[in-house]
N, C-alpha and C. Protein backbone atom coordinates (compact mmCIF):
# COMPACT_ATOMS: atom_id res chain seq x y z
N UNK A 1 182.62 124.01 -172.06
CA UNK A 1 182.54 125.19 -172.92
C UNK A 1 183.55 126.27 -172.42
N UNK A 2 184.10 127.02 -173.31
CA UNK A 2 185.15 128.00 -172.97
C UNK A 2 184.60 128.99 -171.96
N UNK A 3 183.37 129.43 -172.12
CA UNK A 3 182.76 130.38 -171.22
C UNK A 3 182.79 129.90 -169.77
N UNK A 4 182.73 128.59 -169.59
CA UNK A 4 182.76 128.00 -168.23
C UNK A 4 184.13 128.02 -167.66
N UNK A 5 185.14 127.82 -168.53
CA UNK A 5 186.52 127.72 -168.05
C UNK A 5 187.13 129.05 -167.65
N UNK A 6 186.64 130.12 -168.23
CA UNK A 6 187.05 131.46 -167.80
C UNK A 6 188.30 132.04 -168.34
N UNK A 7 188.71 131.61 -169.53
CA UNK A 7 189.94 132.15 -170.10
C UNK A 7 189.55 133.22 -171.14
N UNK A 8 189.80 134.47 -170.87
CA UNK A 8 189.45 135.54 -171.77
C UNK A 8 190.28 135.45 -173.04
N UNK A 9 191.47 134.94 -172.98
CA UNK A 9 192.31 134.81 -174.17
C UNK A 9 191.65 133.85 -175.18
N UNK A 10 191.10 132.74 -174.73
CA UNK A 10 190.44 131.79 -175.61
C UNK A 10 189.14 132.37 -176.12
N UNK A 11 188.47 133.15 -175.28
CA UNK A 11 187.24 133.76 -175.74
C UNK A 11 187.48 134.77 -176.87
N UNK A 12 188.55 135.54 -176.72
CA UNK A 12 188.97 136.47 -177.78
C UNK A 12 189.24 135.75 -179.08
N UNK A 13 189.92 134.64 -179.01
CA UNK A 13 190.22 133.84 -180.21
C UNK A 13 188.89 133.41 -180.88
N UNK A 14 187.97 132.95 -180.09
CA UNK A 14 186.69 132.44 -180.58
C UNK A 14 185.82 133.59 -181.13
N UNK A 15 185.93 134.75 -180.47
CA UNK A 15 185.18 135.91 -180.97
C UNK A 15 185.68 136.34 -182.34
N UNK A 16 187.00 136.19 -182.52
CA UNK A 16 187.59 136.54 -183.82
C UNK A 16 187.16 135.52 -184.89
N UNK A 17 187.01 134.29 -184.51
CA UNK A 17 186.67 133.22 -185.44
C UNK A 17 185.21 133.24 -185.79
N UNK A 18 184.35 133.40 -184.76
CA UNK A 18 182.88 133.26 -185.00
C UNK A 18 182.13 134.57 -184.98
N UNK A 19 182.76 135.62 -184.50
CA UNK A 19 182.05 136.91 -184.44
C UNK A 19 180.84 136.89 -183.55
N UNK A 20 179.85 137.64 -183.93
CA UNK A 20 178.64 137.77 -183.07
C UNK A 20 177.89 136.47 -182.90
N UNK A 21 178.12 135.53 -183.83
CA UNK A 21 177.42 134.21 -183.76
C UNK A 21 177.78 133.50 -182.46
N UNK A 22 179.00 133.73 -181.93
CA UNK A 22 179.41 133.12 -180.67
C UNK A 22 178.49 133.50 -179.56
N UNK A 23 178.00 134.75 -179.59
CA UNK A 23 177.12 135.24 -178.57
C UNK A 23 175.68 134.65 -178.70
N UNK A 24 175.40 134.10 -179.84
CA UNK A 24 174.06 133.55 -180.08
C UNK A 24 174.02 132.06 -179.88
N UNK A 25 175.15 131.40 -179.85
CA UNK A 25 175.13 129.95 -179.63
C UNK A 25 174.64 129.57 -178.27
N UNK A 26 173.87 128.48 -178.17
CA UNK A 26 173.33 128.04 -176.90
C UNK A 26 173.69 126.58 -176.64
N UNK A 27 173.78 126.18 -175.33
CA UNK A 27 174.09 124.80 -174.99
C UNK A 27 172.79 124.00 -174.93
N UNK A 28 172.88 122.82 -174.43
CA UNK A 28 171.71 121.91 -174.38
C UNK A 28 170.61 122.48 -173.42
N UNK A 29 171.01 123.36 -172.58
CA UNK A 29 170.05 124.01 -171.64
C UNK A 29 169.58 125.34 -172.10
N UNK A 30 169.84 125.65 -173.43
CA UNK A 30 169.44 126.91 -174.04
C UNK A 30 170.10 128.11 -173.38
N UNK A 31 171.31 127.91 -172.87
CA UNK A 31 172.04 128.99 -172.25
C UNK A 31 173.07 129.54 -173.23
N UNK A 32 173.16 130.87 -173.38
CA UNK A 32 174.25 131.48 -174.21
C UNK A 32 175.55 131.46 -173.44
N UNK A 33 176.63 131.73 -174.14
CA UNK A 33 177.91 131.84 -173.50
C UNK A 33 177.97 132.87 -172.36
N UNK A 34 177.25 133.93 -172.58
CA UNK A 34 177.18 134.97 -171.56
C UNK A 34 176.49 134.45 -170.31
N UNK A 35 175.36 133.73 -170.49
CA UNK A 35 174.64 133.15 -169.38
C UNK A 35 175.45 132.09 -168.65
N UNK A 36 176.17 131.30 -169.39
CA UNK A 36 177.04 130.25 -168.77
C UNK A 36 178.11 130.89 -167.92
N UNK A 37 178.76 131.91 -168.48
CA UNK A 37 179.85 132.62 -167.77
C UNK A 37 179.27 133.26 -166.45
N UNK A 38 178.07 133.80 -166.55
CA UNK A 38 177.46 134.45 -165.38
C UNK A 38 177.09 133.43 -164.32
N UNK A 39 176.57 132.25 -164.81
CA UNK A 39 176.15 131.21 -163.86
C UNK A 39 177.36 130.68 -163.08
N UNK A 40 178.52 130.72 -163.74
CA UNK A 40 179.76 130.21 -163.12
C UNK A 40 180.55 131.28 -162.41
N UNK A 41 179.98 132.45 -162.31
CA UNK A 41 180.62 133.53 -161.57
C UNK A 41 181.93 134.00 -162.27
N UNK A 42 182.00 133.87 -163.57
CA UNK A 42 183.20 134.30 -164.33
C UNK A 42 182.99 135.75 -164.77
N UNK A 43 183.32 136.66 -163.88
CA UNK A 43 183.04 138.08 -164.17
C UNK A 43 183.82 138.62 -165.31
N UNK A 44 185.07 138.15 -165.52
CA UNK A 44 185.91 138.70 -166.58
C UNK A 44 185.33 138.34 -167.96
N UNK A 45 184.85 137.09 -168.13
CA UNK A 45 184.30 136.68 -169.36
C UNK A 45 182.91 137.35 -169.57
N UNK A 46 182.16 137.52 -168.52
CA UNK A 46 180.89 138.23 -168.63
C UNK A 46 181.11 139.64 -169.10
N UNK A 47 182.13 140.31 -168.53
CA UNK A 47 182.41 141.70 -168.96
C UNK A 47 182.87 141.73 -170.41
N UNK A 48 183.72 140.82 -170.80
CA UNK A 48 184.22 140.79 -172.20
C UNK A 48 183.14 140.57 -173.18
N UNK A 49 182.31 139.56 -172.98
CA UNK A 49 181.23 139.24 -173.91
C UNK A 49 180.20 140.36 -173.96
N UNK A 50 179.92 140.91 -172.78
CA UNK A 50 178.92 142.04 -172.68
C UNK A 50 179.39 143.22 -173.47
N UNK A 51 180.66 143.54 -173.37
CA UNK A 51 181.19 144.72 -174.07
C UNK A 51 181.25 144.55 -175.59
N UNK A 52 181.58 143.31 -176.03
CA UNK A 52 181.60 143.05 -177.45
C UNK A 52 180.12 143.16 -177.99
N UNK A 53 179.17 142.61 -177.27
CA UNK A 53 177.80 142.74 -177.71
C UNK A 53 177.35 144.18 -177.71
N UNK A 54 177.69 144.90 -176.66
CA UNK A 54 177.32 146.31 -176.55
C UNK A 54 177.91 147.11 -177.71
N UNK A 55 179.13 146.84 -178.05
CA UNK A 55 179.85 147.55 -179.11
C UNK A 55 179.10 147.44 -180.47
N UNK A 56 178.86 146.21 -180.89
CA UNK A 56 178.20 146.00 -182.20
C UNK A 56 176.83 146.58 -182.18
N UNK A 57 176.16 146.52 -181.08
CA UNK A 57 174.79 147.14 -180.99
C UNK A 57 174.87 148.66 -181.09
N UNK A 58 175.86 149.26 -180.48
CA UNK A 58 175.98 150.71 -180.52
C UNK A 58 176.35 151.17 -181.95
N UNK A 59 177.23 150.40 -182.60
CA UNK A 59 177.61 150.72 -183.99
C UNK A 59 176.40 150.70 -184.90
N UNK A 60 175.55 149.68 -184.75
CA UNK A 60 174.38 149.56 -185.59
C UNK A 60 173.29 150.62 -185.28
N UNK A 61 173.19 150.96 -184.03
CA UNK A 61 172.17 151.97 -183.65
C UNK A 61 172.60 153.38 -183.90
N UNK A 62 173.91 153.60 -184.03
CA UNK A 62 174.43 154.91 -184.39
C UNK A 62 174.41 155.93 -183.28
N UNK A 63 174.48 155.50 -182.06
CA UNK A 63 174.47 156.49 -180.96
C UNK A 63 175.66 156.23 -180.01
N UNK A 64 175.87 157.19 -179.12
CA UNK A 64 176.86 157.12 -178.04
C UNK A 64 178.25 156.85 -178.59
N UNK A 65 178.76 157.81 -179.40
CA UNK A 65 180.06 157.71 -179.98
C UNK A 65 181.14 157.64 -178.90
N UNK A 66 180.92 158.36 -177.81
CA UNK A 66 181.87 158.42 -176.71
C UNK A 66 182.11 157.01 -176.13
N UNK A 67 181.00 156.26 -175.97
CA UNK A 67 181.10 154.90 -175.39
C UNK A 67 181.84 153.97 -176.42
N UNK A 68 181.52 154.15 -177.68
CA UNK A 68 182.20 153.37 -178.72
C UNK A 68 183.71 153.61 -178.65
N UNK A 69 184.08 154.86 -178.50
CA UNK A 69 185.50 155.22 -178.44
C UNK A 69 186.10 154.57 -177.21
N UNK A 70 185.42 154.61 -176.06
CA UNK A 70 185.94 153.97 -174.84
C UNK A 70 186.25 152.49 -175.09
N UNK A 71 185.28 151.79 -175.69
CA UNK A 71 185.42 150.36 -175.93
C UNK A 71 186.65 150.08 -176.91
N UNK A 72 186.74 150.97 -177.93
CA UNK A 72 187.82 150.78 -178.90
C UNK A 72 189.19 150.97 -178.18
N UNK A 73 189.29 151.95 -177.32
CA UNK A 73 190.51 152.17 -176.56
C UNK A 73 190.83 150.95 -175.70
N UNK A 74 189.84 150.29 -175.20
CA UNK A 74 190.04 149.15 -174.35
C UNK A 74 190.38 147.88 -175.08
N UNK A 75 189.70 147.61 -176.18
CA UNK A 75 189.86 146.32 -176.84
C UNK A 75 190.57 146.43 -178.23
N UNK A 76 190.70 147.62 -178.75
CA UNK A 76 191.45 147.85 -180.00
C UNK A 76 191.03 147.05 -181.19
N UNK A 77 192.05 146.48 -181.85
CA UNK A 77 191.85 145.79 -183.10
C UNK A 77 190.85 144.61 -183.03
N UNK A 78 190.75 143.99 -181.87
CA UNK A 78 189.83 142.88 -181.70
C UNK A 78 188.38 143.33 -182.02
N UNK A 79 188.00 144.53 -181.59
CA UNK A 79 186.69 145.05 -181.91
C UNK A 79 186.55 145.49 -183.35
N UNK A 80 187.64 146.05 -183.86
CA UNK A 80 187.56 146.55 -185.28
C UNK A 80 187.33 145.36 -186.21
N UNK A 81 187.82 144.18 -185.90
CA UNK A 81 187.68 143.01 -186.72
C UNK A 81 186.44 142.18 -186.34
N UNK A 82 185.72 142.53 -185.32
CA UNK A 82 184.59 141.76 -184.83
C UNK A 82 183.42 141.88 -185.80
N UNK A 83 182.86 140.74 -186.23
CA UNK A 83 181.83 140.73 -187.26
C UNK A 83 180.49 140.34 -186.64
N UNK A 84 179.44 140.92 -187.22
CA UNK A 84 178.12 140.60 -186.75
C UNK A 84 177.64 139.27 -187.31
N UNK A 85 176.36 138.96 -187.12
CA UNK A 85 175.88 137.62 -187.58
C UNK A 85 175.80 137.52 -189.09
N UNK A 86 175.92 138.65 -189.82
CA UNK A 86 175.98 138.60 -191.27
C UNK A 86 177.42 138.61 -191.79
N UNK A 87 178.36 138.58 -190.92
CA UNK A 87 179.79 138.72 -191.23
C UNK A 87 180.12 140.13 -191.71
N UNK A 88 179.40 141.11 -191.25
CA UNK A 88 179.72 142.54 -191.48
C UNK A 88 180.64 143.03 -190.45
N UNK A 89 181.71 143.69 -190.86
CA UNK A 89 182.58 144.37 -189.90
C UNK A 89 181.90 145.58 -189.28
N UNK A 90 182.39 146.10 -188.15
CA UNK A 90 181.73 147.32 -187.60
C UNK A 90 181.73 148.46 -188.61
N UNK A 91 182.79 148.61 -189.39
CA UNK A 91 182.89 149.66 -190.37
C UNK A 91 181.75 149.53 -191.41
N UNK A 92 181.53 148.34 -191.84
CA UNK A 92 180.42 148.09 -192.80
C UNK A 92 179.05 148.34 -192.18
N UNK A 93 178.91 147.96 -190.94
CA UNK A 93 177.64 148.18 -190.21
C UNK A 93 177.38 149.70 -190.09
N UNK A 94 178.42 150.44 -189.74
CA UNK A 94 178.27 151.89 -189.61
C UNK A 94 177.94 152.55 -190.95
N UNK A 95 178.58 152.08 -192.03
CA UNK A 95 178.30 152.65 -193.36
C UNK A 95 176.92 152.30 -193.79
N UNK A 96 176.42 151.14 -193.40
CA UNK A 96 175.07 150.71 -193.80
C UNK A 96 174.02 151.64 -193.27
N UNK A 97 174.17 152.12 -192.04
CA UNK A 97 173.21 153.02 -191.41
C UNK A 97 173.53 154.45 -191.59
N UNK A 98 174.67 154.74 -192.30
CA UNK A 98 175.06 156.14 -192.47
C UNK A 98 175.56 156.83 -191.25
N UNK A 99 176.15 156.09 -190.38
CA UNK A 99 176.64 156.66 -189.10
C UNK A 99 178.10 157.14 -189.38
N UNK A 100 178.25 158.33 -189.94
CA UNK A 100 179.55 158.81 -190.39
C UNK A 100 180.54 159.13 -189.26
N UNK A 101 179.99 159.55 -188.15
CA UNK A 101 180.85 159.82 -186.99
C UNK A 101 181.56 158.54 -186.53
N UNK A 102 180.81 157.47 -186.55
CA UNK A 102 181.36 156.18 -186.16
C UNK A 102 182.27 155.64 -187.23
N UNK A 103 181.91 155.84 -188.49
CA UNK A 103 182.76 155.48 -189.59
C UNK A 103 184.14 156.11 -189.41
N UNK A 104 184.19 157.40 -189.18
CA UNK A 104 185.46 158.16 -189.03
C UNK A 104 186.22 157.62 -187.83
N UNK A 105 185.54 157.34 -186.75
CA UNK A 105 186.18 156.87 -185.54
C UNK A 105 186.83 155.48 -185.81
N UNK A 106 186.09 154.59 -186.46
CA UNK A 106 186.62 153.25 -186.76
C UNK A 106 187.84 153.29 -187.64
N UNK A 107 187.78 154.09 -188.67
CA UNK A 107 188.91 154.25 -189.58
C UNK A 107 190.16 154.79 -188.86
N UNK A 108 189.93 155.84 -188.09
CA UNK A 108 191.05 156.40 -187.28
C UNK A 108 191.65 155.37 -186.38
N UNK A 109 190.83 154.55 -185.68
CA UNK A 109 191.33 153.53 -184.81
C UNK A 109 192.07 152.48 -185.56
N UNK A 110 191.54 152.06 -186.75
CA UNK A 110 192.22 151.06 -187.56
C UNK A 110 193.57 151.58 -188.07
N UNK A 111 193.55 152.81 -188.53
CA UNK A 111 194.74 153.46 -189.04
C UNK A 111 195.86 153.47 -187.96
N UNK A 112 195.48 153.96 -186.78
CA UNK A 112 196.47 154.07 -185.69
C UNK A 112 196.92 152.69 -185.21
N UNK A 113 196.04 151.69 -185.29
CA UNK A 113 196.38 150.36 -184.88
C UNK A 113 197.46 149.78 -185.80
N UNK A 114 197.34 150.09 -187.11
CA UNK A 114 198.34 149.56 -188.09
C UNK A 114 199.56 150.42 -188.17
N UNK A 115 199.43 151.73 -188.13
CA UNK A 115 200.53 152.63 -188.45
C UNK A 115 200.94 153.60 -187.37
N UNK A 116 200.33 153.56 -186.21
CA UNK A 116 200.63 154.50 -185.16
C UNK A 116 199.88 155.78 -185.38
N UNK A 117 200.29 156.82 -184.66
CA UNK A 117 199.59 158.11 -184.75
C UNK A 117 199.74 158.72 -186.12
N UNK A 118 198.88 159.65 -186.45
CA UNK A 118 198.89 160.29 -187.77
C UNK A 118 200.21 160.99 -188.04
N UNK A 119 200.59 161.08 -189.25
CA UNK A 119 201.89 161.66 -189.66
C UNK A 119 202.09 163.05 -189.07
N UNK A 120 203.30 163.25 -188.58
CA UNK A 120 203.70 164.57 -188.04
C UNK A 120 202.86 165.01 -186.87
N UNK A 121 202.19 164.08 -186.23
CA UNK A 121 201.37 164.39 -185.04
C UNK A 121 200.11 165.11 -185.40
N UNK A 122 199.76 165.24 -186.67
CA UNK A 122 198.54 165.96 -187.05
C UNK A 122 197.38 164.97 -187.09
N UNK A 123 196.16 165.47 -186.78
CA UNK A 123 194.97 164.67 -186.89
C UNK A 123 194.66 164.50 -188.37
N UNK A 124 194.11 163.33 -188.68
CA UNK A 124 193.71 163.08 -190.10
C UNK A 124 192.47 163.94 -190.39
N UNK A 125 192.44 164.50 -191.57
CA UNK A 125 191.33 165.30 -192.00
C UNK A 125 190.09 164.42 -192.02
N UNK A 126 188.97 164.87 -191.49
CA UNK A 126 187.74 164.02 -191.44
C UNK A 126 187.31 163.52 -192.79
N UNK A 127 187.55 164.32 -193.84
CA UNK A 127 187.20 163.90 -195.18
C UNK A 127 188.11 162.75 -195.61
N UNK A 128 189.38 162.78 -195.23
CA UNK A 128 190.29 161.68 -195.54
C UNK A 128 189.85 160.37 -194.86
N UNK A 129 189.35 160.50 -193.64
CA UNK A 129 188.88 159.35 -192.89
C UNK A 129 187.70 158.70 -193.65
N UNK A 130 186.82 159.54 -194.16
CA UNK A 130 185.68 158.96 -194.96
C UNK A 130 186.16 158.38 -196.25
N UNK A 131 187.15 159.00 -196.92
CA UNK A 131 187.66 158.48 -198.12
C UNK A 131 188.34 157.16 -197.89
N UNK A 132 189.09 157.01 -196.81
CA UNK A 132 189.74 155.77 -196.40
C UNK A 132 188.67 154.69 -196.21
N UNK A 133 187.56 155.04 -195.56
CA UNK A 133 186.51 154.09 -195.30
C UNK A 133 185.94 153.58 -196.70
N UNK A 134 185.77 154.51 -197.57
CA UNK A 134 185.23 154.14 -198.91
C UNK A 134 186.21 153.24 -199.63
N UNK A 135 187.54 153.52 -199.51
CA UNK A 135 188.51 152.66 -200.15
C UNK A 135 188.63 151.34 -199.51
N UNK A 136 188.46 151.28 -198.19
CA UNK A 136 188.53 150.00 -197.47
C UNK A 136 187.40 149.10 -197.83
N UNK A 137 186.23 149.68 -198.13
CA UNK A 137 185.06 148.90 -198.34
C UNK A 137 184.75 148.62 -199.84
N UNK A 138 185.41 149.37 -200.72
CA UNK A 138 185.04 149.33 -202.13
C UNK A 138 185.18 147.89 -202.75
N UNK A 139 186.14 147.13 -202.26
CA UNK A 139 186.35 145.78 -202.83
C UNK A 139 185.54 144.74 -202.08
N UNK A 140 184.73 145.14 -201.07
CA UNK A 140 183.90 144.20 -200.34
C UNK A 140 182.70 143.79 -201.15
N UNK A 141 182.48 142.47 -201.31
CA UNK A 141 181.39 142.01 -202.16
C UNK A 141 180.01 142.50 -201.68
N UNK A 142 179.91 142.76 -200.41
CA UNK A 142 178.60 143.17 -199.89
C UNK A 142 178.43 144.71 -199.77
N UNK A 143 179.41 145.41 -200.28
CA UNK A 143 179.40 146.90 -200.15
C UNK A 143 178.62 147.43 -201.34
N UNK A 144 177.42 147.89 -201.08
CA UNK A 144 176.59 148.36 -202.19
C UNK A 144 176.70 149.85 -202.42
N UNK A 145 176.06 150.29 -203.48
CA UNK A 145 176.17 151.69 -203.88
C UNK A 145 175.56 152.65 -202.86
N UNK A 146 174.50 152.20 -202.20
CA UNK A 146 173.86 153.03 -201.15
C UNK A 146 174.84 153.38 -200.04
N UNK A 147 175.56 152.32 -199.62
CA UNK A 147 176.55 152.55 -198.60
C UNK A 147 177.58 153.56 -198.98
N UNK A 148 178.10 153.39 -200.21
CA UNK A 148 179.15 154.27 -200.73
C UNK A 148 178.63 155.72 -200.81
N UNK A 149 177.37 155.87 -201.28
CA UNK A 149 176.83 157.21 -201.45
C UNK A 149 176.67 157.91 -200.07
N UNK A 150 176.31 157.14 -199.03
CA UNK A 150 176.16 157.76 -197.73
C UNK A 150 177.45 158.37 -197.25
N UNK A 151 178.58 157.75 -197.66
CA UNK A 151 179.89 158.29 -197.33
C UNK A 151 180.32 159.39 -198.26
N UNK A 152 180.28 159.13 -199.55
CA UNK A 152 180.86 160.04 -200.56
C UNK A 152 180.05 161.30 -200.72
N UNK A 153 178.76 161.33 -200.28
CA UNK A 153 177.93 162.52 -200.37
C UNK A 153 178.20 163.51 -199.22
N UNK A 154 179.03 163.07 -198.26
CA UNK A 154 179.25 163.94 -197.07
C UNK A 154 180.12 165.13 -197.48
N UNK A 155 179.80 166.26 -196.95
CA UNK A 155 180.50 167.53 -197.27
C UNK A 155 182.02 167.41 -197.00
N UNK A 156 182.38 166.75 -195.91
CA UNK A 156 183.80 166.61 -195.58
C UNK A 156 184.54 165.81 -196.62
N UNK A 157 183.89 164.79 -197.16
CA UNK A 157 184.48 163.93 -198.18
C UNK A 157 184.76 164.74 -199.46
N UNK A 158 183.74 165.53 -199.85
CA UNK A 158 183.86 166.36 -201.07
C UNK A 158 184.93 167.44 -200.86
N UNK A 159 184.98 168.01 -199.63
CA UNK A 159 185.92 169.05 -199.34
C UNK A 159 187.37 168.53 -199.49
N UNK A 160 187.62 167.30 -198.97
CA UNK A 160 188.97 166.75 -199.04
C UNK A 160 189.37 166.53 -200.47
N UNK A 161 188.44 166.01 -201.33
CA UNK A 161 188.84 165.78 -202.75
C UNK A 161 189.09 167.14 -203.42
N UNK A 162 188.29 168.18 -203.08
CA UNK A 162 188.43 169.45 -203.76
C UNK A 162 189.74 170.12 -203.41
N UNK A 163 190.29 169.91 -202.21
CA UNK A 163 191.53 170.45 -201.79
C UNK A 163 192.63 170.01 -202.76
N UNK A 164 192.59 168.77 -203.20
CA UNK A 164 193.59 168.24 -204.10
C UNK A 164 193.19 168.35 -205.50
N UNK A 165 192.05 169.02 -205.82
CA UNK A 165 191.60 169.20 -207.23
C UNK A 165 191.26 167.88 -207.92
N UNK A 166 190.79 166.93 -207.12
CA UNK A 166 190.36 165.62 -207.68
C UNK A 166 188.87 165.77 -208.02
N UNK A 167 188.50 165.30 -209.18
CA UNK A 167 187.12 165.34 -209.60
C UNK A 167 186.24 164.25 -208.97
N UNK A 168 186.88 163.12 -208.59
CA UNK A 168 186.07 162.00 -208.10
C UNK A 168 186.93 161.10 -207.28
N UNK A 169 186.27 160.16 -206.56
CA UNK A 169 186.95 159.13 -205.81
C UNK A 169 187.83 158.26 -206.77
N UNK A 170 187.23 157.96 -207.96
CA UNK A 170 187.96 157.10 -208.92
C UNK A 170 189.28 157.72 -209.35
N UNK A 171 189.28 159.01 -209.55
CA UNK A 171 190.47 159.69 -209.93
C UNK A 171 191.55 159.59 -208.83
N UNK A 172 191.13 159.79 -207.60
CA UNK A 172 192.01 159.69 -206.47
C UNK A 172 192.51 158.27 -206.33
N UNK A 173 191.62 157.30 -206.47
CA UNK A 173 191.98 155.88 -206.33
C UNK A 173 193.03 155.49 -207.43
N UNK A 174 192.87 156.06 -208.61
CA UNK A 174 193.86 155.69 -209.68
C UNK A 174 195.23 156.20 -209.33
N UNK A 175 195.31 157.40 -208.79
CA UNK A 175 196.61 157.95 -208.42
C UNK A 175 197.29 157.08 -207.34
N UNK A 176 196.49 156.64 -206.35
CA UNK A 176 197.08 155.82 -205.29
C UNK A 176 197.47 154.44 -205.82
N UNK A 177 196.52 153.78 -206.51
CA UNK A 177 196.75 152.41 -206.97
C UNK A 177 197.90 152.28 -207.98
N UNK A 178 198.00 153.24 -208.91
CA UNK A 178 199.02 153.17 -209.95
C UNK A 178 200.40 153.65 -209.47
N UNK A 179 200.49 154.11 -208.24
CA UNK A 179 201.80 154.47 -207.67
C UNK A 179 202.31 155.79 -208.14
N UNK A 180 201.47 156.57 -208.76
CA UNK A 180 201.91 157.91 -209.18
C UNK A 180 201.95 158.88 -208.01
N UNK A 181 201.26 158.51 -206.96
CA UNK A 181 201.34 159.33 -205.73
C UNK A 181 202.50 158.81 -204.93
N UNK A 182 203.34 159.69 -204.43
CA UNK A 182 204.49 159.35 -203.62
C UNK A 182 204.31 159.79 -202.21
N UNK A 183 205.27 159.35 -201.33
CA UNK A 183 205.14 159.75 -199.95
C UNK A 183 205.15 161.24 -199.76
N UNK A 184 205.77 161.98 -200.72
CA UNK A 184 205.82 163.41 -200.60
C UNK A 184 204.50 164.06 -201.00
N UNK A 185 203.70 163.30 -201.71
CA UNK A 185 202.37 163.78 -202.12
C UNK A 185 201.30 163.54 -201.09
N UNK A 186 201.32 162.30 -200.62
CA UNK A 186 200.39 161.88 -199.57
C UNK A 186 201.20 161.17 -198.53
N UNK A 187 200.87 161.37 -197.24
CA UNK A 187 201.64 160.78 -196.15
C UNK A 187 201.90 159.27 -196.40
N UNK A 188 203.11 158.81 -196.16
CA UNK A 188 203.48 157.42 -196.43
C UNK A 188 202.60 156.39 -195.76
N UNK A 189 202.22 156.61 -194.50
CA UNK A 189 201.34 155.65 -193.79
C UNK A 189 199.94 155.66 -194.45
N UNK A 190 199.47 156.86 -194.89
CA UNK A 190 198.21 156.93 -195.56
C UNK A 190 198.22 156.15 -196.83
N UNK A 191 199.26 156.35 -197.63
CA UNK A 191 199.41 155.58 -198.86
C UNK A 191 199.39 154.08 -198.63
N UNK A 192 200.07 153.69 -197.57
CA UNK A 192 200.19 152.22 -197.25
C UNK A 192 198.81 151.62 -197.05
N UNK A 193 197.97 152.29 -196.25
CA UNK A 193 196.66 151.71 -195.94
C UNK A 193 195.75 151.78 -197.15
N UNK A 194 195.91 152.85 -197.98
CA UNK A 194 195.07 152.93 -199.20
C UNK A 194 195.44 151.86 -200.18
N UNK A 195 196.73 151.65 -200.40
CA UNK A 195 197.15 150.63 -201.41
C UNK A 195 196.80 149.22 -200.90
N UNK A 196 196.82 149.04 -199.60
CA UNK A 196 196.41 147.72 -199.10
C UNK A 196 194.91 147.51 -199.32
N UNK A 197 194.13 148.58 -199.16
CA UNK A 197 192.70 148.48 -199.34
C UNK A 197 192.33 148.24 -200.82
N UNK A 198 193.18 148.75 -201.70
CA UNK A 198 192.87 148.64 -203.12
C UNK A 198 193.55 147.46 -203.83
N UNK A 199 194.24 146.64 -203.05
CA UNK A 199 194.95 145.51 -203.70
C UNK A 199 193.90 144.60 -204.36
N UNK A 200 194.16 144.25 -205.60
CA UNK A 200 193.23 143.38 -206.33
C UNK A 200 192.11 144.09 -207.01
N UNK A 201 192.01 145.42 -206.86
CA UNK A 201 190.93 146.19 -207.49
C UNK A 201 191.44 146.80 -208.78
N UNK A 202 190.74 146.53 -209.86
CA UNK A 202 191.15 147.06 -211.21
C UNK A 202 190.64 148.49 -211.33
N UNK A 203 191.55 149.43 -211.61
CA UNK A 203 191.17 150.83 -211.77
C UNK A 203 191.83 151.41 -212.99
N UNK A 204 191.08 152.08 -213.79
CA UNK A 204 191.59 152.73 -214.99
C UNK A 204 191.64 154.22 -214.79
N UNK A 205 192.54 154.88 -215.52
CA UNK A 205 192.59 156.36 -215.44
C UNK A 205 191.22 156.90 -215.92
N UNK A 206 190.48 157.56 -215.00
CA UNK A 206 189.14 158.04 -215.35
C UNK A 206 189.07 159.14 -216.36
N UNK A 207 190.23 159.78 -216.65
CA UNK A 207 190.27 160.84 -217.63
C UNK A 207 191.59 160.93 -218.34
N UNK A 208 191.53 160.94 -219.65
CA UNK A 208 192.81 161.06 -220.40
C UNK A 208 193.48 162.33 -220.19
N UNK A 209 192.75 163.37 -219.78
CA UNK A 209 193.29 164.68 -219.56
C UNK A 209 193.84 164.87 -218.16
N UNK A 210 193.62 163.88 -217.28
CA UNK A 210 194.01 163.97 -215.93
C UNK A 210 195.53 163.86 -215.79
N UNK A 211 196.14 164.83 -215.15
CA UNK A 211 197.61 164.87 -214.96
C UNK A 211 197.93 164.56 -213.47
N UNK A 212 198.34 163.36 -213.14
CA UNK A 212 198.55 162.92 -211.78
C UNK A 212 199.66 163.67 -211.05
N UNK A 213 200.54 164.32 -211.79
CA UNK A 213 201.63 165.01 -211.14
C UNK A 213 201.39 166.47 -210.88
N UNK A 214 200.12 166.90 -211.08
CA UNK A 214 199.76 168.30 -210.82
C UNK A 214 200.10 168.63 -209.37
N UNK A 215 200.81 169.75 -209.15
CA UNK A 215 201.23 170.10 -207.85
C UNK A 215 200.05 170.40 -206.89
N UNK A 216 198.83 170.57 -207.45
CA UNK A 216 197.69 170.87 -206.62
C UNK A 216 197.21 169.63 -205.94
N UNK A 217 197.80 168.44 -206.22
CA UNK A 217 197.36 167.20 -205.60
C UNK A 217 198.12 166.97 -204.28
N UNK A 218 198.75 167.92 -203.79
CA UNK A 218 199.53 167.81 -202.54
C UNK A 218 198.63 168.07 -201.39
N UNK A 219 198.55 167.14 -200.41
CA UNK A 219 197.71 167.31 -199.22
C UNK A 219 198.60 167.67 -198.04
N UNK A 220 199.16 168.85 -198.05
CA UNK A 220 200.12 169.29 -197.06
C UNK A 220 199.49 169.40 -195.67
N UNK A 221 200.11 168.67 -194.72
CA UNK A 221 199.70 168.81 -193.31
C UNK A 221 198.39 168.13 -193.00
N UNK A 222 197.83 167.35 -193.95
CA UNK A 222 196.49 166.81 -193.69
C UNK A 222 196.51 165.31 -193.62
N UNK A 223 197.64 164.73 -193.76
CA UNK A 223 197.70 163.25 -193.70
C UNK A 223 199.06 162.81 -193.18
């Protein structure tokens, strides 16, 4: 078993393939991978498996954001993609329990992993982080209305939409998806991740009176 051989690289590959289920598998002696690594004195694998288990538990329980941030800084995208036994990503787990601080942290980490630091060195508006989470999850088959409401009902989310005079998420999504928003309207990196999240999602203009080129839709210095 890989846990016995002690290669963290192979363990990371298997964690990506099997997610949390890898931590639940047992051998003929009813030992988990963590127990096998510990029995063989493989401290590096023990630490790796323990931290992945700790991370998903923290995300679900909604506490200790500081520790979650520490683990993300250490393991990066491997944790962002790590799925629980239901094949839920950490972002989806956090949305499920309404842990918005963790939702924002996960989106920020994913954003920076893909595109580097926020445009112009500015921090992303917390409402934009929640909106990005909503857009990332909207095409997920298991993303239900309750999860979306927990995010979209947040004051920061509503504040961000109001800054650009958008009436709803759908209106904002239409602007992004149809390409009427340009890099000068919304930061180029932000547009990239939004359009990637919305690929394959059908969106119609929610209002015939909506004018996508309204100068009030500029998010200056916020993305």
